[in-house]
Amino acid sequence: MSVLSLLADSAPPVEAHSPQLIDVDGTVFVQLGLFLLLVVILTKLLWKPYLRVRSERVSRVDGYRKEAQRMEVDAAARLSKAEAELAEARRVGSGDRAAARAEARVREQELVAAAIADAQRALGTARTKLDAVVATERSRIQASARDIGVQAAKRILGREVASS
């Protein structure tokens, strides 16, 4: 056996009287009554107003959420309507543009045809004038050629030649 076990066995047990933590007497009932009174007063003055304010806040937040959702749906509807109108305007604009292009092509063809007709008339008039000038010049050149031929024959032959 060890020395410590001998010392532990030889020591007298320690008896400690600790005071009771709660002394049950009439003050417990007074404290319980004060506690209940405090609970009733605080419930009326603090707890119920707090719950009322909290429920109002929750209902307002829910209302704002519903309003925001309604506004989102409304905005989405307006956006889709605007997009549909924009698509319709693009479609109409595209049709108008195509019609304007077709009209411009027709007008261009009319102008080109009119210009070609004017050019043909001017060309015909110029040809007629040119033919008249060529005929006049040809007859003048032929007459001049006869005269030159007669003169050349006179010089070559050295005698008078009768012109025919």
C-alpha atoms as a PDB file:
ATOM      1  CA  MET A   1       0.000   0.000   0.000  1.00  0.00           C
ATOM      2  CA  SER A   2       1.078   3.427  -0.624  1.00  0.00           C
ATOM      3  CA  VAL A   3       1.547   6.331   1.664  1.00  0.00           C
ATOM      4  CA  LEU A   4      -1.094   8.384  -0.023  1.00  0.00           C
ATOM      5  CA  SER A   5      -3.738   5.751   0.392  1.00  0.00           C
ATOM      6  CA  LEU A   6      -2.907   5.504   4.103  1.00  0.00           C
ATOM      7  CA  LEU A   7      -3.175   9.241   4.534  1.00  0.00           C
ATOM      8  CA  ALA A   8      -6.440   9.343   2.669  1.00  0.00           C
ATOM      9  CA  ASP A   9      -7.914   6.606   4.839  1.00  0.00           C
ATOM     10  CA  SER A  10      -6.774   8.165   8.096  1.00  0.00           C
ATOM     11  CA  ALA A  11      -8.181  11.648   7.471  1.00  0.00           C
ATOM     12  CA  PRO A  12     -11.529  12.337   9.045  1.00  0.00           C
ATOM     13  CA  PRO A  13     -14.334  13.121   6.518  1.00  0.00           C
ATOM     14  CA  VAL A  14     -15.001  16.819   5.932  1.00  0.00           C
ATOM     15  CA  GLU A  15     -18.495  17.892   6.707  1.00  0.00           C
ATOM     16  CA  ALA A  16     -19.494  21.124   5.056  1.00  0.00           C
ATOM     17  CA  HIS A  17     -22.835  22.688   5.652  1.00  0.00           C
ATOM     18  CA  SER A  18     -23.677  24.844   2.689  1.00  0.00           C
ATOM     19  CA  PRO A  19     -26.478  27.360   2.988  1.00  0.00           C
ATOM     20  CA  GLN A  20     -29.589  26.627   0.949  1.00  0.00           C
ATOM     21  CA  LEU A  21     -29.783  28.603  -2.303  1.00  0.00           C
ATOM     22  CA  ILE A  22     -33.504  29.068  -2.242  1.00  0.00           C
ATOM     23  CA  ASP A  23     -35.296  29.598   0.955  1.00  0.00           C
ATOM     24  CA  VAL A  24     -38.959  28.821   0.319  1.00  0.00           C
ATOM     25  CA  ASP A  25     -41.126  31.133   2.329  1.00  0.00           C
ATOM     26  CA  GLY A  26     -43.742  33.813   1.598  1.00  0.00           C
ATOM     27  CA  THR A  27     -41.410  35.982  -0.500  1.00  0.00           C
ATOM     28  CA  VAL A  28     -41.500  33.422  -3.312  1.00  0.00           C
ATOM     29  CA  PHE A  29     -45.207  34.084  -3.740  1.00  0.00           C
ATOM     30  CA  VAL A  30     -44.650  37.831  -3.654  1.00  0.00           C
ATOM     31  CA  GLN A  31     -41.930  37.533  -6.285  1.00  0.00           C
ATOM     32  CA  LEU A  32     -44.155  35.301  -8.421  1.00  0.00           C
ATOM     33  CA  GLY A  33     -46.960  37.843  -8.156  1.00  0.00           C
ATOM     34  CA  LEU A  34     -44.633  40.702  -9.100  1.00  0.00           C
ATOM     35  CA  PHE A  35     -43.358  38.656 -12.039  1.00  0.00           C
ATOM     36  CA  LEU A  36     -46.892  37.971 -13.293  1.00  0.00           C
ATOM     37  CA  LEU A  37     -47.836  41.633 -12.831  1.00  0.00           C
ATOM     38  CA  LEU A  38     -44.744  42.650 -14.790  1.00  0.00           C
ATOM     39  CA  VAL A  39     -45.626  40.157 -17.541  1.00  0.00           C
ATOM     40  CA  VAL A  40     -49.171  41.582 -17.816  1.00  0.00           C
ATOM     41  CA  ILE A  41     -47.940  45.192 -17.877  1.00  0.00           C
ATOM     42  CA  LEU A  42     -45.176  44.479 -20.407  1.00  0.00           C
ATOM     43  CA  THR A  43     -47.581  42.487 -22.576  1.00  0.00           C
ATOM     44  CA  LYS A  44     -49.960  45.445 -22.777  1.00  0.00           C
ATOM     45  CA  LEU A  45     -47.311  48.144 -23.099  1.00  0.00           C
ATOM     46  CA  LEU A  46     -44.609  46.463 -25.153  1.00  0.00           C
ATOM     47  CA  TRP A  47     -45.435  43.045 -26.553  1.00  0.00           C
ATOM     48  CA  LYS A  48     -48.856  43.789 -28.147  1.00  0.00           C
ATOM     49  CA  PRO A  49     -47.695  47.093 -29.769  1.00  0.00           C
ATOM     50  CA  TYR A  50     -44.569  45.350 -31.020  1.00  0.00           C
ATOM     51  CA  LEU A  51     -46.631  42.512 -32.533  1.00  0.00           C
ATOM     52  CA  ARG A  52     -49.058  45.017 -34.063  1.00  0.00           C
ATOM     53  CA  VAL A  53     -46.235  47.059 -35.635  1.00  0.00           C
ATOM     54  CA  ARG A  54     -44.556  43.887 -36.831  1.00  0.00           C
ATOM     55  CA  SER A  55     -47.734  42.546 -38.420  1.00  0.00           C
ATOM     56  CA  GLU A  56     -48.358  45.927 -40.093  1.00  0.00           C
ATOM     57  CA  ARG A  57     -44.800  45.916 -41.432  1.00  0.00           C
ATOM     58  CA  VAL A  58     -45.196  42.352 -42.711  1.00  0.00           C
ATOM     59  CA  SER A  59     -48.519  43.196 -44.355  1.00  0.00           C
ATOM     60  CA  ARG A  60     -47.017  46.342 -45.924  1.00  0.00           C
ATOM     61  CA  VAL A  61     -44.004  44.408 -47.215  1.00  0.00           C
ATOM     62  CA  ASP A  62     -46.313  41.737 -48.611  1.00  0.00           C
ATOM     63  CA  GLY A  63     -48.406  44.468 -50.211  1.00  0.00           C
ATOM     64  CA  TYR A  64     -45.311  46.038 -51.713  1.00  0.00           C
ATOM     65  CA  ARG A  65     -44.190  42.649 -53.003  1.00  0.00           C
ATOM     66  CA  LYS A  66     -47.566  42.035 -54.603  1.00  0.00           C
ATOM     67  CA  GLU A  67     -47.514  45.546 -56.067  1.00  0.00           C
ATOM     68  CA  ALA A  68     -43.990  44.955 -57.402  1.00  0.00           C
ATOM     69  CA  GLN A  69     -45.061  41.640 -58.947  1.00  0.00           C
ATOM     70  CA  ARG A  70     -48.109  43.307 -60.478  1.00  0.00           C
ATOM     71  CA  MET A  71     -45.897  46.087 -61.827  1.00  0.00           C
ATOM     72  CA  GLU A  72     -43.451  43.527 -63.248  1.00  0.00           C
ATOM     73  CA  VAL A  73     -46.287  41.713 -65.007  1.00  0.00           C
ATOM     74  CA  ASP A  74     -47.622  45.040 -66.288  1.00  0.00           C
ATOM     75  CA  ALA A  75     -44.164  46.083 -67.464  1.00  0.00           C
ATOM     76  CA  ALA A  76     -43.663  42.737 -69.194  1.00  0.00           C
ATOM     77  CA  ALA A  77     -47.029  43.120 -70.914  1.00  0.00           C
ATOM     78  CA  ARG A  78     -46.189  46.668 -72.009  1.00  0.00           C
ATOM     79  CA  LEU A  79     -42.766  45.547 -73.211  1.00  0.00           C
ATOM     80  CA  SER A  80     -44.224  42.694 -75.244  1.00  0.00           C
ATOM     81  CA  LYS A  81     -46.849  45.071 -76.664  1.00  0.00           C
ATOM     82  CA  ALA A  82     -44.149  47.605 -77.568  1.00  0.00           C
ATOM     83  CA  GLU A  83     -42.020  44.881 -79.139  1.00  0.00           C
ATOM     84  CA  ALA A  84     -45.020  43.661 -81.136  1.00  0.00           C
ATOM     85  CA  GLU A  85     -45.736  47.222 -82.305  1.00  0.00           C
ATOM     86  CA  LEU A  86     -42.077  47.673 -83.193  1.00  0.00           C
ATOM     87  CA  ALA A  87     -42.079  44.411 -85.160  1.00  0.00           C
ATOM     88  CA  GLU A  88     -45.263  45.526 -86.941  1.00  0.00           C
ATOM     89  CA  ALA A  89     -43.700  48.912 -87.706  1.00  0.00           C
ATOM     90  CA  ARG A  90     -40.599  47.180 -89.045  1.00  0.00           C
ATOM     91  CA  ARG A  91     -42.748  44.897 -91.171  1.00  0.00           C
ATOM     92  CA  VAL A  92     -44.780  47.829 -92.512  1.00  0.00           C
ATOM     93  CA  GLY A  93     -41.603  49.849 -93.046  1.00  0.00           C
ATOM     94  CA  SER A  94     -40.022  46.938 -94.875  1.00  0.00           C
ATOM     95  CA  GLY A  95     -43.108  46.626 -97.087  1.00  0.00           C
ATOM     96  CA  ASP A  96     -43.156  50.377 -97.707  1.00  0.00           C
ATOM     97  CA  ARG A  97     -39.444  50.312 -98.477  1.00  0.00           C
ATOM     98  CA  ALA A  98     -39.934  47.429-100.924  1.00  0.00           C
ATOM     99  CA  ALA A  99     -42.857  49.252-102.540  1.00  0.00           C
ATOM    100  CA  ALA A 100     -40.815  52.450-102.781  1.00  0.00           C
ATOM    101  CA  ARG A 101     -37.926  50.530-104.332  1.00  0.00           C
ATOM    102  CA  ALA A 102     -40.246  48.874-106.843  1.00  0.00           C
ATOM    103  CA  GLU A 103     -41.809  52.254-107.651  1.00  0.00           C
ATOM    104  CA  ALA A 104     -38.326  53.767-107.997  1.00  0.00           C
ATOM    105  CA  ARG A 105     -37.311  50.928-110.341  1.00  0.00           C
ATOM    106  CA  VAL A 106     -40.415  51.483-112.458  1.00  0.00           C
ATOM    107  CA  ARG A 107     -39.763  55.222-112.526  1.00  0.00           C
ATOM    108  CA  GLU A 108     -36.117  54.584-113.380  1.00  0.00           C
ATOM    109  CA  GLN A 109     -37.144  52.293-116.239  1.00  0.00           C
ATOM    110  CA  GLU A 110     -39.599  54.925-117.487  1.00  0.00           C
ATOM    111  CA  LEU A 111     -36.903  57.610-117.347  1.00  0.00           C
ATOM    112  CA  VAL A 112     -34.365  55.351-119.051  1.00  0.00           C
ATOM    113  CA  ALA A 113     -36.919  54.405-121.725  1.00  0.00           C
ATOM    114  CA  ALA A 114     -37.782  58.088-122.260  1.00  0.00           C
ATOM    115  CA  ALA A 115     -34.087  58.967-122.442  1.00  0.00           C
ATOM    116  CA  ILE A 116     -33.465  56.145-124.918  1.00  0.00           C
ATOM    117  CA  ALA A 117     -36.457  57.295-127.016  1.00  0.00           C
ATOM    118  CA  ASP A 118     -35.184  60.890-126.957  1.00  0.00           C
ATOM    119  CA  ALA A 119     -31.717  59.664-127.888  1.00  0.00           C
ATOM    120  CA  GLN A 120     -33.155  57.575-130.738  1.00  0.00           C
ATOM    121  CA  ARG A 121     -35.142  60.575-132.028  1.00  0.00           C
ATOM    122  CA  ALA A 122     -32.079  62.805-131.776  1.00  0.00           C
ATOM    123  CA  LEU A 123     -30.005  60.117-133.489  1.00  0.00           C
ATOM    124  CA  GLY A 124     -32.618  59.768-136.252  1.00  0.00           C
ATOM    125  CA  THR A 125     -32.704  63.548-136.749  1.00  0.00           C
ATOM    126  CA  ALA A 126     -28.901  63.675-136.750  1.00  0.00           C
ATOM    127  CA  ARG A 127     -28.750  60.808-139.279  1.00  0.00           C
ATOM    128  CA  THR A 128     -31.256  62.554-141.529  1.00  0.00           C
ATOM    129  CA  LYS A 129     -29.259  65.783-141.386  1.00  0.00           C
ATOM    130  CA  LEU A 130     -26.030  63.853-141.850  1.00  0.00           C
ATOM    131  CA  ASP A 131     -27.458  61.998-144.841  1.00  0.00           C
ATOM    132  CA  ALA A 132     -28.556  65.323-146.385  1.00  0.00           C
ATOM    133  CA  VAL A 133     -25.130  66.856-145.734  1.00  0.00           C
ATOM    134  CA  VAL A 134     -23.392  63.722-147.101  1.00  0.00           C
ATOM    135  CA  ALA A 135     -25.601  63.770-150.239  1.00  0.00           C
ATOM    136  CA  THR A 136     -24.925  67.470-150.774  1.00  0.00           C
ATOM    137  CA  GLU A 137     -21.206  67.038-150.201  1.00  0.00           C
ATOM    138  CA  ARG A 138     -21.139  63.927-152.398  1.00  0.00           C
ATOM    139  CA  SER A 139     -22.775  65.781-155.300  1.00  0.00           C
ATOM    140  CA  ARG A 140     -20.421  68.719-154.777  1.00  0.00           C
ATOM    141  CA  ILE A 141     -17.423  66.365-154.609  1.00  0.00           C
ATOM    142  CA  GLN A 142     -18.639  64.515-157.725  1.00  0.00           C
ATOM    143  CA  ALA A 143     -18.995  67.799-159.606  1.00  0.00           C
ATOM    144  CA  SER A 144     -15.601  68.880-158.375  1.00  0.00           C
ATOM    145  CA  ALA A 145     -14.176  65.462-159.283  1.00  0.00           C
ATOM    146  CA  ARG A 146     -15.529  65.826-162.844  1.00  0.00           C
ATOM    147  CA  ASP A 147     -14.002  69.241-163.153  1.00  0.00           C
ATOM    148  CA  ILE A 148     -10.685  67.969-161.751  1.00  0.00           C
ATOM    149  CA  GLY A 149     -10.874  64.941-164.112  1.00  0.00           C
ATOM    150  CA  VAL A 150     -11.486  67.159-167.149  1.00  0.00           C
ATOM    151  CA  GLN A 151      -8.610  69.425-166.172  1.00  0.00           C
ATOM    152  CA  ALA A 152      -6.333  66.451-165.539  1.00  0.00           C
ATOM    153  CA  ALA A 153      -7.262  64.975-168.931  1.00  0.00           C
ATOM    154  CA  LYS A 154      -6.539  68.355-170.582  1.00  0.00           C
ATOM    155  CA  ARG A 155      -3.106  68.486-169.068  1.00  0.00           C
ATOM    156  CA  ILE A 156      -2.308  64.874-169.780  1.00  0.00           C
ATOM    157  CA  LEU A 157      -3.675  64.882-173.309  1.00  0.00           C
ATOM    158  CA  GLY A 158      -2.764  68.446-173.975  1.00  0.00           C
ATOM    159  CA  ARG A 159      -6.022  69.132-175.712  1.00  0.00           C
ATOM    160  CA  GLU A 160      -9.623  70.016-174.935  1.00  0.00           C
ATOM    161  CA  VAL A 161     -11.751  67.214-173.592  1.00  0.00           C
ATOM    162  CA  ALA A 162     -15.506  67.290-173.710  1.00  0.00           C
ATOM    163  CA  SER A 163     -17.175  66.885-170.352  1.00  0.00           C
ATOM    164  CA  SER A 164     -19.978  64.442-170.260  1.00  0.00           C
END
